[in-house]
Amino acid sequence: TDRSMDVVRETLQNYSGPIEFRIITQPKNGGLSSARNAGIRNASGKY
């Protein structure tokens, strides 16, 4: 409910380095476990 994601986008707007940043948006607030699981399901790294 705050400006966290605005801050995220502002921090990344001029970034052009080797790390690929992606934003995964939850359909609704689901808590820490739900957010971690969404990250796992969208991840493609070995670790």
All heavy atoms as atom14 arrays in JSON, in Angstrom:
{
  "sequence": "TDRSMDVVRETLQNYSGPIEFRIITQPKNGGLSSARNAGIRNASGKY",
  "atom14_mask": [
    [1, 1, 1, 1, 1, 1, 1, 0, 0, 0, 0, 0, 0, 0],
    [1, 1, 1, 1, 1, 1, 1, 1, 0, 0, 0, 0, 0, 0],
    [1, 1, 1, 1, 1, 1, 1, 1, 1, 1, 1, 0, 0, 0],
    [1, 1, 1, 1, 1, 1, 0, 0, 0, 0, 0, 0, 0, 0],
    [1, 1, 1, 1, 1, 1, 1, 1, 0, 0, 0, 0, 0, 0],
    [1, 1, 1, 1, 1, 1, 1, 1, 0, 0, 0, 0, 0, 0],
    [1, 1, 1, 1, 1, 1, 1, 0, 0, 0, 0, 0, 0, 0],
    [1, 1, 1, 1, 1, 1, 1, 0, 0, 0, 0, 0, 0, 0],
    [1, 1, 1, 1, 1, 1, 1, 1, 1, 1, 1, 0, 0, 0],
    [1, 1, 1, 1, 1, 1, 1, 1, 1, 0, 0, 0, 0, 0],
    [1, 1, 1, 1, 1, 1, 1, 0, 0, 0, 0, 0, 0, 0],
    [1, 1, 1, 1, 1, 1, 1, 1, 0, 0, 0, 0, 0, 0],
    [1, 1, 1, 1, 1, 1, 1, 1, 1, 0, 0, 0, 0, 0],
    [1, 1, 1, 1, 1, 1, 1, 1, 0, 0, 0, 0, 0, 0],
    [1, 1, 1, 1, 1, 1, 1, 1, 1, 1, 1, 1, 0, 0],
    [1, 1, 1, 1, 1, 1, 0, 0, 0, 0, 0, 0, 0, 0],
    [1, 1, 1, 1, 0, 0, 0, 0, 0, 0, 0, 0, 0, 0],
    [1, 1, 1, 1, 1, 1, 1, 0, 0, 0, 0, 0, 0, 0],
    [1, 1, 1, 1, 1, 1, 1, 1, 0, 0, 0, 0, 0, 0],
    [1, 1, 1, 1, 1, 1, 1, 1, 1, 0, 0, 0, 0, 0],
    [1, 1, 1, 1, 1, 1, 1, 1, 1, 1, 1, 0, 0, 0],
    [1, 1, 1, 1, 1, 1, 1, 1, 1, 1, 1, 0, 0, 0],
    [1, 1, 1, 1, 1, 1, 1, 1, 0, 0, 0, 0, 0, 0],
    [1, 1, 1, 1, 1, 1, 1, 1, 0, 0, 0, 0, 0, 0],
    [1, 1, 1, 1, 1, 1, 1, 0, 0, 0, 0, 0, 0, 0],
    [1, 1, 1, 1, 1, 1, 1, 1, 1, 0, 0, 0, 0, 0],
    [1, 1, 1, 1, 1, 1, 1, 0, 0, 0, 0, 0, 0, 0],
    [1, 1, 1, 1, 1, 1, 1, 1, 1, 0, 0, 0, 0, 0],
    [1, 1, 1, 1, 1, 1, 1, 1, 0, 0, 0, 0, 0, 0],
    [1, 1, 1, 1, 0, 0, 0, 0, 0, 0, 0, 0, 0, 0],
    [1, 1, 1, 1, 0, 0, 0, 0, 0, 0, 0, 0, 0, 0],
    [1, 1, 1, 1, 1, 1, 1, 1, 0, 0, 0, 0, 0, 0],
    [1, 1, 1, 1, 1, 1, 0, 0, 0, 0, 0, 0, 0, 0],
    [1, 1, 1, 1, 1, 1, 0, 0, 0, 0, 0, 0, 0, 0],
    [1, 1, 1, 1, 1, 0, 0, 0, 0, 0, 0, 0, 0, 0],
    [1, 1, 1, 1, 1, 1, 1, 1, 1, 1, 1, 0, 0, 0],
    [1, 1, 1, 1, 1, 1, 1, 1, 0, 0, 0, 0, 0, 0],
    [1, 1, 1, 1, 1, 0, 0, 0, 0, 0, 0, 0, 0, 0],
    [1, 1, 1, 1, 0, 0, 0, 0, 0, 0, 0, 0, 0, 0],
    [1, 1, 1, 1, 1, 1, 1, 1, 0, 0, 0, 0, 0, 0],
    [1, 1, 1, 1, 1, 1, 1, 1, 1, 1, 1, 0, 0, 0],
    [1, 1, 1, 1, 1, 1, 1, 1, 0, 0, 0, 0, 0, 0],
    [1, 1, 1, 1, 1, 0, 0, 0, 0, 0, 0, 0, 0, 0],
    [1, 1, 1, 1, 1, 1, 0, 0, 0, 0, 0, 0, 0, 0],
    [1, 1, 1, 1, 0, 0, 0, 0, 0, 0, 0, 0, 0, 0],
    [1, 1, 1, 1, 1, 1, 1, 1, 1, 0, 0, 0, 0, 0],
    [1, 1, 1, 1, 1, 1, 1, 1, 1, 1, 1, 1, 0, 0]
  ],
  "atom14_positions": [
    [[0.81, -1.23, 0.0], [0.0, 0.0, 0.0], [0.84, 1.27, 0.0], [0.29, 2.38, 0.1], [-0.92, 0.01, 1.23], [-0.12, -0.11, 2.43], [-1.91, -1.16, 1.18], [0.0, 0.0, 0.0], [0.0, 0.0, 0.0], [0.0, 0.0, 0.0], [0.0, 0.0, 0.0], [0.0, 0.0, 0.0], [0.0, 0.0, 0.0], [0.0, 0.0, 0.0]],
    [[2.16, 1.15, -0.12], [3.01, 2.34, -0.14], [3.64, 2.49, -1.53], [3.17, 1.92, -2.51], [4.06, 2.28, 0.97], [5.09, 1.17, 0.74], [4.96, 0.42, -0.25], [6.03, 1.05, 1.54], [0.0, 0.0, 0.0], [0.0, 0.0, 0.0], [0.0, 0.0, 0.0], [0.0, 0.0, 0.0], [0.0, 0.0, 0.0], [0.0, 0.0, 0.0]],
    [[4.73, 3.25, -1.63], [5.36, 3.54, -2.92], [6.5, 2.57, -3.26], [7.35, 2.87, -4.09], [5.92, 4.96, -2.93], [4.88, 6.06, -2.88], [5.52, 7.43, -3.14], [6.08, 7.55, -4.48], [7.37, 7.48, -4.78], [8.28, 7.27, -3.81], [7.79, 7.61, -6.03], [0.0, 0.0, 0.0], [0.0, 0.0, 0.0], [0.0, 0.0, 0.0]],
    [[6.52, 1.42, -2.64], [7.64, 0.5, -2.83], [7.93, 0.22, -4.3], [9.08, 0.31, -4.75], [7.38, -0.83, -2.12], [7.39, -0.68, -0.72], [0.0, 0.0, 0.0], [0.0, 0.0, 0.0], [0.0, 0.0, 0.0], [0.0, 0.0, 0.0], [0.0, 0.0, 0.0], [0.0, 0.0, 0.0], [0.0, 0.0, 0.0], [0.0, 0.0, 0.0]],
    [[6.91, -0.11, -5.09], [7.14, -0.47, -6.49], [7.5, 0.75, -7.33], [8.23, 0.62, -8.32], [5.93, -1.19, -7.05], [5.69, -2.56, -6.45], [7.17, -3.63, -6.44], [7.55, -3.74, -8.2], [0.0, 0.0, 0.0], [0.0, 0.0, 0.0], [0.0, 0.0, 0.0], [0.0, 0.0, 0.0], [0.0, 0.0, 0.0], [0.0, 0.0, 0.0]],
    [[7.03, 1.93, -6.95], [7.48, 3.15, -7.63], [8.97, 3.33, -7.41], [9.72, 3.69, -8.35], [6.72, 4.37, -7.1], [5.25, 4.35, -7.47], [4.91, 3.75, -8.51], [4.45, 4.94, -6.72], [0.0, 0.0, 0.0], [0.0, 0.0, 0.0], [0.0, 0.0, 0.0], [0.0, 0.0, 0.0], [0.0, 0.0, 0.0], [0.0, 0.0, 0.0]],
    [[9.42, 3.08, -6.18], [10.84, 3.19, -5.86], [11.64, 2.16, -6.64], [12.74, 2.46, -7.15], [11.07, 3.02, -4.34], [12.57, 2.98, -4.02], [10.4, 4.14, -3.55], [0.0, 0.0, 0.0], [0.0, 0.0, 0.0], [0.0, 0.0, 0.0], [0.0, 0.0, 0.0], [0.0, 0.0, 0.0], [0.0, 0.0, 0.0], [0.0, 0.0, 0.0]],
    [[11.12, 0.95, -6.76], [11.79, -0.09, -7.54], [12.01, 0.38, -8.98], [13.13, 0.29, -9.53], [10.97, -1.4, -7.53], [11.51, -2.38, -8.57], [10.98, -2.03, -6.14], [0.0, 0.0, 0.0], [0.0, 0.0, 0.0], [0.0, 0.0, 0.0], [0.0, 0.0, 0.0], [0.0, 0.0, 0.0], [0.0, 0.0, 0.0], [0.0, 0.0, 0.0]],
    [[10.96, 0.87, -9.59], [11.06, 1.29, -11.0], [11.98, 2.49, -11.15], [12.74, 2.58, -12.13], [9.66, 1.6, -11.53], [8.78, 0.34, -11.64], [7.4, 0.66, -12.22], [6.62, -0.56, -12.38], [5.83, -1.08, -11.45], [5.7, -0.47, -10.28], [5.15, -2.2, -11.69], [0.0, 0.0, 0.0], [0.0, 0.0, 0.0], [0.0, 0.0, 0.0]],
    [[11.95, 3.41, -10.21], [12.85, 4.57, -10.26], [14.3, 4.13, -10.13], [15.2, 4.68, -10.79], [12.49, 5.55, -9.14], [11.15, 6.26, -9.33], [10.65, 6.94, -8.06], [11.41, 6.91, -7.04], [9.54, 7.47, -8.07], [0.0, 0.0, 0.0], [0.0, 0.0, 0.0], [0.0, 0.0, 0.0], [0.0, 0.0, 0.0], [0.0, 0.0, 0.0]],
    [[14.55, 3.13, -9.29], [15.92, 2.65, -9.08], [16.46, 1.95, -10.32], [17.66, 2.02, -10.62], [15.95, 1.68, -7.88], [15.4, 2.32, -6.72], [17.37, 1.23, -7.57], [0.0, 0.0, 0.0], [0.0, 0.0, 0.0], [0.0, 0.0, 0.0], [0.0, 0.0, 0.0], [0.0, 0.0, 0.0], [0.0, 0.0, 0.0], [0.0, 0.0, 0.0]],
    [[15.57, 1.31, -11.06], [16.0, 0.52, -12.22], [15.91, 1.26, -13.56], [16.4, 0.75, -14.57], [15.14, -0.75, -12.32], [15.32, -1.77, -11.2], [14.32, -2.91, -11.38], [16.74, -2.32, -11.15], [0.0, 0.0, 0.0], [0.0, 0.0, 0.0], [0.0, 0.0, 0.0], [0.0, 0.0, 0.0], [0.0, 0.0, 0.0], [0.0, 0.0, 0.0]],
    [[15.33, 2.45, -13.56], [15.01, 3.08, -14.84], [16.24, 3.39, -15.69], [16.18, 3.36, -16.93], [14.2, 4.35, -14.62], [14.9, 5.46, -13.87], [14.0, 6.67, -13.65], [12.9, 6.75, -14.21], [14.47, 7.63, -12.86], [0.0, 0.0, 0.0], [0.0, 0.0, 0.0], [0.0, 0.0, 0.0], [0.0, 0.0, 0.0], [0.0, 0.0, 0.0]],
    [[17.38, 3.66, -15.07], [18.58, 3.96, -15.85], [19.6, 2.83, -15.84], [20.74, 3.0, -16.29], [19.24, 5.24, -15.31], [18.36, 6.47, -15.53], [17.73, 6.62, -16.58], [18.31, 7.34, -14.53], [0.0, 0.0, 0.0], [0.0, 0.0, 0.0], [0.0, 0.0, 0.0], [0.0, 0.0, 0.0], [0.0, 0.0, 0.0], [0.0, 0.0, 0.0]],
    [[19.18, 1.67, -15.33], [20.12, 0.54, -15.25], [20.26, -0.14, -16.61], [19.26, -0.43, -17.29], [19.65, -0.48, -14.21], [20.52, -1.7, -14.16], [21.79, -1.65, -13.58], [20.11, -2.92, -14.71], [22.62, -2.76, -13.54], [20.92, -4.04, -14.67], [22.18, -3.95, -14.09], [23.0, -5.06, -14.06], [0.0, 0.0, 0.0], [0.0, 0.0, 0.0]],
    [[21.49, -0.44, -17.01], [21.73, -1.1, -18.3], [22.84, -2.14, -18.19], [23.54, -2.41, -19.15], [22.08, -0.07, -19.37], [23.26, 0.65, -18.99], [0.0, 0.0, 0.0], [0.0, 0.0, 0.0], [0.0, 0.0, 0.0], [0.0, 0.0, 0.0], [0.0, 0.0, 0.0], [0.0, 0.0, 0.0], [0.0, 0.0, 0.0], [0.0, 0.0, 0.0]],
    [[23.0, -2.71, -16.99], [24.06, -3.68, -16.77], [23.68, -5.09, -17.16], [22.65, -5.32, -17.81], [0.0, 0.0, 0.0], [0.0, 0.0, 0.0], [0.0, 0.0, 0.0], [0.0, 0.0, 0.0], [0.0, 0.0, 0.0], [0.0, 0.0, 0.0], [0.0, 0.0, 0.0], [0.0, 0.0, 0.0], [0.0, 0.0, 0.0], [0.0, 0.0, 0.0]],
    [[24.48, -6.06, -16.76], [24.29, -7.45, -17.21], [23.16, -8.21, -16.5], [22.74, -9.25, -16.98], [25.65, -8.09, -16.9], [26.16, -7.31, -15.73], [25.71, -5.9, -15.96], [0.0, 0.0, 0.0], [0.0, 0.0, 0.0], [0.0, 0.0, 0.0], [0.0, 0.0, 0.0], [0.0, 0.0, 0.0], [0.0, 0.0, 0.0], [0.0, 0.0, 0.0]],
    [[22.71, -7.72, -15.37], [21.66, -8.43, -14.63], [20.31, -8.18, -15.28], [19.95, -7.04, -15.58], [21.63, -7.99, -13.15], [22.98, -8.27, -12.48], [20.5, -8.71, -12.4], [23.1, -7.72, -11.07], [0.0, 0.0, 0.0], [0.0, 0.0, 0.0], [0.0, 0.0, 0.0], [0.0, 0.0, 0.0], [0.0, 0.0, 0.0], [0.0, 0.0, 0.0]],
    [[19.56, -9.24, -15.49], [18.21, -9.11, -16.05], [17.21, -8.95, -14.9], [17.0, -9.89, -14.12], [17.84, -10.33, -16.88], [16.42, -10.26, -17.44], [15.95, -11.55, -18.07], [16.74, -12.52, -18.12], [14.77, -11.6, -18.49], [0.0, 0.0, 0.0], [0.0, 0.0, 0.0], [0.0, 0.0, 0.0], [0.0, 0.0, 0.0], [0.0, 0.0, 0.0]],
    [[16.61, -7.78, -14.8], [15.59, -7.54, -13.78], [14.21, -7.74, -14.37], [13.91, -7.25, -15.47], [15.7, -6.11, -13.23], [16.85, -5.91, -12.28], [18.1, -5.5, -12.74], [16.68, -6.13, -10.92], [19.15, -5.31, -11.87], [17.73, -5.94, -10.04], [18.97, -5.54, -10.51], [0.0, 0.0, 0.0], [0.0, 0.0, 0.0], [0.0, 0.0, 0.0]],
    [[13.38, -8.48, -13.66], [11.99, -8.68, -14.07], [11.07, -8.44, -12.89], [11.39, -8.81, -11.75], [11.76, -10.1, -14.6], [12.36, -10.37, -15.96], [11.82, -11.68, -16.53], [12.48, -12.84, -15.94], [11.89, -14.0, -15.7], [10.59, -14.14, -15.93], [12.57, -15.02, -15.22], [0.0, 0.0, 0.0], [0.0, 0.0, 0.0], [0.0, 0.0, 0.0]],
    [[9.93, -7.83, -13.15], [8.94, -7.6, -12.11], [7.79, -8.58, -12.3], [7.2, -8.67, -13.38], [8.42, -6.15, -12.14], [9.56, -5.17, -11.78], [7.23, -5.98, -11.17], [9.17, -3.71, -11.88], [0.0, 0.0, 0.0], [0.0, 0.0, 0.0], [0.0, 0.0, 0.0], [0.0, 0.0, 0.0], [0.0, 0.0, 0.0], [0.0, 0.0, 0.0]],
    [[7.49, -9.34, -11.24], [6.38, -10.28, -11.24], [5.3, -9.68, -10.34], [5.54, -9.43, -9.15], [6.79, -11.66, -10.69], [8.05, -12.17, -11.39], [5.64, -12.65, -10.79], [7.91, -12.37, -12.87], [0.0, 0.0, 0.0], [0.0, 0.0, 0.0], [0.0, 0.0, 0.0], [0.0, 0.0, 0.0], [0.0, 0.0, 0.0], [0.0, 0.0, 0.0]],
    [[4.13, -9.43, -10.89], [3.07, -8.79, -10.11], [2.05, -9.83, -9.64], [1.46, -10.55, -10.45], [2.35, -7.72, -10.95], [3.32, -6.76, -11.39], [1.29, -7.01, -10.12], [0.0, 0.0, 0.0], [0.0, 0.0, 0.0], [0.0, 0.0, 0.0], [0.0, 0.0, 0.0], [0.0, 0.0, 0.0], [0.0, 0.0, 0.0], [0.0, 0.0, 0.0]],
    [[1.87, -9.92, -8.35], [0.89, -10.82, -7.77], [-0.53, -10.31, -8.06], [-0.77, -9.1, -8.07], [1.07, -10.94, -6.25], [2.38, -11.62, -5.84], [2.26, -13.12, -5.91], [2.2, -13.71, -6.99], [2.22, -13.75, -4.75], [0.0, 0.0, 0.0], [0.0, 0.0, 0.0], [0.0, 0.0, 0.0], [0.0, 0.0, 0.0], [0.0, 0.0, 0.0]],
    [[-1.5, -11.2, -8.25], [-2.88, -10.75, -8.47], [-3.46, -10.06, -7.25], [-4.31, -9.18, -7.36], [-3.64, -12.05, -8.78], [-2.77, -13.16, -8.27], [-1.36, -12.67, -8.39], [0.0, 0.0, 0.0], [0.0, 0.0, 0.0], [0.0, 0.0, 0.0], [0.0, 0.0, 0.0], [0.0, 0.0, 0.0], [0.0, 0.0, 0.0], [0.0, 0.0, 0.0]],
    [[-2.98, -10.45, -6.06], [-3.39, -9.8, -4.81], [-2.32, -10.08, -3.76], [-1.44, -10.92, -3.97], [-4.75, -10.33, -4.33], [-4.75, -11.81, -4.03], [-6.12, -12.27, -3.54], [-6.09, -13.78, -3.22], [-7.41, -14.24, -2.72], [0.0, 0.0, 0.0], [0.0, 0.0, 0.0], [0.0, 0.0, 0.0], [0.0, 0.0, 0.0], [0.0, 0.0, 0.0]],
    [[-2.38, -9.37, -2.65], [-1.41, -9.61, -1.59], [-1.57, -11.04, -1.07], [-2.64, -11.44, -0.63], [-1.61, -8.61, -0.45], [-0.76, -8.95, 0.76], [-1.29, -9.26, 1.81], [0.54, -8.91, 0.61], [0.0, 0.0, 0.0], [0.0, 0.0, 0.0], [0.0, 0.0, 0.0], [0.0, 0.0, 0.0], [0.0, 0.0, 0.0], [0.0, 0.0, 0.0]],
    [[-0.48, -11.81, -1.13], [-0.55, -13.2, -0.7], [0.4, -13.56, 0.41], [0.41, -14.69, 0.89], [0.0, 0.0, 0.0], [0.0, 0.0, 0.0], [0.0, 0.0, 0.0], [0.0, 0.0, 0.0], [0.0, 0.0, 0.0], [0.0, 0.0, 0.0], [0.0, 0.0, 0.0], [0.0, 0.0, 0.0], [0.0, 0.0, 0.0], [0.0, 0.0, 0.0]],
    [[1.25, -12.6, 0.82], [2.2, -12.88, 1.87], [3.54, -13.36, 1.34], [3.71, -13.63, 0.15], [0.0, 0.0, 0.0], [0.0, 0.0, 0.0], [0.0, 0.0, 0.0], [0.0, 0.0, 0.0], [0.0, 0.0, 0.0], [0.0, 0.0, 0.0], [0.0, 0.0, 0.0], [0.0, 0.0, 0.0], [0.0, 0.0, 0.0], [0.0, 0.0, 0.0]],
    [[4.5, -13.48, 2.25], [5.88, -13.79, 1.88], [6.01, -15.13, 1.17], [6.69, -15.25, 0.15], [6.77, -13.78, 3.13], [8.25, -14.06, 2.93], [8.88, -13.04, 1.99], [8.98, -14.05, 4.29], [0.0, 0.0, 0.0], [0.0, 0.0, 0.0], [0.0, 0.0, 0.0], [0.0, 0.0, 0.0], [0.0, 0.0, 0.0], [0.0, 0.0, 0.0]],
    [[5.36, -16.17, 1.69], [5.47, -17.49, 1.07], [4.93, -17.49, -0.35], [5.54, -18.05, -1.26], [4.72, -18.54, 1.9], [5.36, -18.77, 3.13], [0.0, 0.0, 0.0], [0.0, 0.0, 0.0], [0.0, 0.0, 0.0], [0.0, 0.0, 0.0], [0.0, 0.0, 0.0], [0.0, 0.0, 0.0], [0.0, 0.0, 0.0], [0.0, 0.0, 0.0]],
    [[3.78, -16.86, -0.53], [3.17, -16.79, -1.86], [4.09, -16.05, -2.84], [4.24, -16.46, -3.99], [1.81, -16.1, -1.78], [1.24, -15.96, -3.05], [0.0, 0.0, 0.0], [0.0, 0.0, 0.0], [0.0, 0.0, 0.0], [0.0, 0.0, 0.0], [0.0, 0.0, 0.0], [0.0, 0.0, 0.0], [0.0, 0.0, 0.0], [0.0, 0.0, 0.0]],
    [[4.7, -14.96, -2.38], [5.6, -14.19, -3.23], [6.84, -15.0, -3.59], [7.3, -14.98, -4.74], [5.99, -12.89, -2.54], [0.0, 0.0, 0.0], [0.0, 0.0, 0.0], [0.0, 0.0, 0.0], [0.0, 0.0, 0.0], [0.0, 0.0, 0.0], [0.0, 0.0, 0.0], [0.0, 0.0, 0.0], [0.0, 0.0, 0.0], [0.0, 0.0, 0.0]],
    [[7.4, -15.71, -2.62], [8.56, -16.56, -2.92], [8.2, -17.65, -3.93], [8.96, -17.94, -4.85], [9.09, -17.19, -1.63], [9.87, -16.23, -0.74], [10.25, -16.9, 0.56], [11.1, -16.06, 1.39], [11.41, -16.32, 2.65], [10.94, -17.43, 3.22], [12.18, -15.5, 3.34], [0.0, 0.0, 0.0], [0.0, 0.0, 0.0], [0.0, 0.0, 0.0]],
    [[7.03, -18.25, -3.74], [6.61, -19.3, -4.67], [6.42, -18.76, -6.09], [6.76, -19.42, -7.07], [5.31, -19.94, -4.18], [5.52, -20.8, -2.95], [6.63, -21.23, -2.66], [4.45, -21.06, -2.22], [0.0, 0.0, 0.0], [0.0, 0.0, 0.0], [0.0, 0.0, 0.0], [0.0, 0.0, 0.0], [0.0, 0.0, 0.0], [0.0, 0.0, 0.0]],
    [[5.88, -17.54, -6.18], [5.73, -16.92, -7.51], [7.09, -16.71, -8.14], [7.27, -16.91, -9.36], [4.98, -15.6, -7.37], [0.0, 0.0, 0.0], [0.0, 0.0, 0.0], [0.0, 0.0, 0.0], [0.0, 0.0, 0.0], [0.0, 0.0, 0.0], [0.0, 0.0, 0.0], [0.0, 0.0, 0.0], [0.0, 0.0, 0.0], [0.0, 0.0, 0.0]],
    [[8.07, -16.33, -7.33], [9.42, -16.17, -7.83], [10.0, -17.47, -8.33], [10.61, -17.53, -9.41], [0.0, 0.0, 0.0], [0.0, 0.0, 0.0], [0.0, 0.0, 0.0], [0.0, 0.0, 0.0], [0.0, 0.0, 0.0], [0.0, 0.0, 0.0], [0.0, 0.0, 0.0], [0.0, 0.0, 0.0], [0.0, 0.0, 0.0], [0.0, 0.0, 0.0]],
    [[9.84, -18.54, -7.56], [10.36, -19.85, -7.97], [9.74, -20.28, -9.3], [10.44, -20.76, -10.21], [10.05, -20.91, -6.88], [10.8, -20.6, -5.58], [10.44, -22.3, -7.39], [10.35, -21.43, -4.4], [0.0, 0.0, 0.0], [0.0, 0.0, 0.0], [0.0, 0.0, 0.0], [0.0, 0.0, 0.0], [0.0, 0.0, 0.0], [0.0, 0.0, 0.0]],
    [[8.44, -20.12, -9.43], [7.74, -20.59, -10.63], [8.12, -19.78, -11.88], [7.97, -20.26, -12.99], [6.23, -20.55, -10.39], [5.78, -21.58, -9.35], [4.26, -21.67, -9.25], [3.88, -22.73, -8.34], [3.47, -22.54, -7.08], [3.37, -21.3, -6.61], [3.15, -23.57, -6.31], [0.0, 0.0, 0.0], [0.0, 0.0, 0.0], [0.0, 0.0, 0.0]],
    [[8.6, -18.57, -11.66], [9.01, -17.74, -12.8], [10.53, -17.76, -13.01], [11.01, -17.14, -13.95], [8.54, -16.3, -12.59], [7.06, -16.13, -12.88], [6.65, -15.93, -14.02], [6.25, -16.22, -11.84], [0.0, 0.0, 0.0], [0.0, 0.0, 0.0], [0.0, 0.0, 0.0], [0.0, 0.0, 0.0], [0.0, 0.0, 0.0], [0.0, 0.0, 0.0]],
    [[11.24, -18.44, -12.14], [12.71, -18.45, -12.22], [13.19, -19.41, -13.3], [12.54, -20.42, -13.6], [13.3, -18.86, -10.87], [0.0, 0.0, 0.0], [0.0, 0.0, 0.0], [0.0, 0.0, 0.0], [0.0, 0.0, 0.0], [0.0, 0.0, 0.0], [0.0, 0.0, 0.0], [0.0, 0.0, 0.0], [0.0, 0.0, 0.0], [0.0, 0.0, 0.0]],
    [[14.33, -19.11, -13.88], [14.94, -20.0, -14.87], [16.38, -20.34, -14.54], [17.04, -21.06, -15.29], [14.87, -19.36, -16.27], [15.47, -18.07, -16.26], [0.0, 0.0, 0.0], [0.0, 0.0, 0.0], [0.0, 0.0, 0.0], [0.0, 0.0, 0.0], [0.0, 0.0, 0.0], [0.0, 0.0, 0.0], [0.0, 0.0, 0.0], [0.0, 0.0, 0.0]],
    [[16.91, -19.83, -13.41], [18.29, -20.1, -13.03], [18.49, -21.5, -12.48], [17.54, -22.17, -12.05], [0.0, 0.0, 0.0], [0.0, 0.0, 0.0], [0.0, 0.0, 0.0], [0.0, 0.0, 0.0], [0.0, 0.0, 0.0], [0.0, 0.0, 0.0], [0.0, 0.0, 0.0], [0.0, 0.0, 0.0], [0.0, 0.0, 0.0], [0.0, 0.0, 0.0]],
    [[19.73, -21.95, -12.49], [20.06, -23.25, -11.91], [19.84, -23.22, -10.4], [19.39, -24.21, -9.81], [21.52, -23.61, -12.21], [21.94, -24.96, -11.66], [23.37, -25.3, -12.06], [23.77, -26.67, -11.51], [25.16, -27.03, -11.87], [0.0, 0.0, 0.0], [0.0, 0.0, 0.0], [0.0, 0.0, 0.0], [0.0, 0.0, 0.0], [0.0, 0.0, 0.0]],
    [[20.17, -22.07, -9.79], [19.96, -21.89, -8.35], [19.01, -20.73, -8.13], [19.0, -19.76, -8.9], [21.28, -21.58, -7.64], [22.33, -22.66, -7.73], [23.29, -22.64, -8.74], [22.39, -23.68, -6.8], [24.26, -23.62, -8.83], [23.37, -24.67, -6.88], [24.31, -24.63, -7.89], [25.28, -25.6, -7.98], [0.0, 0.0, 0.0], [0.0, 0.0, 0.0]]
  ]
}
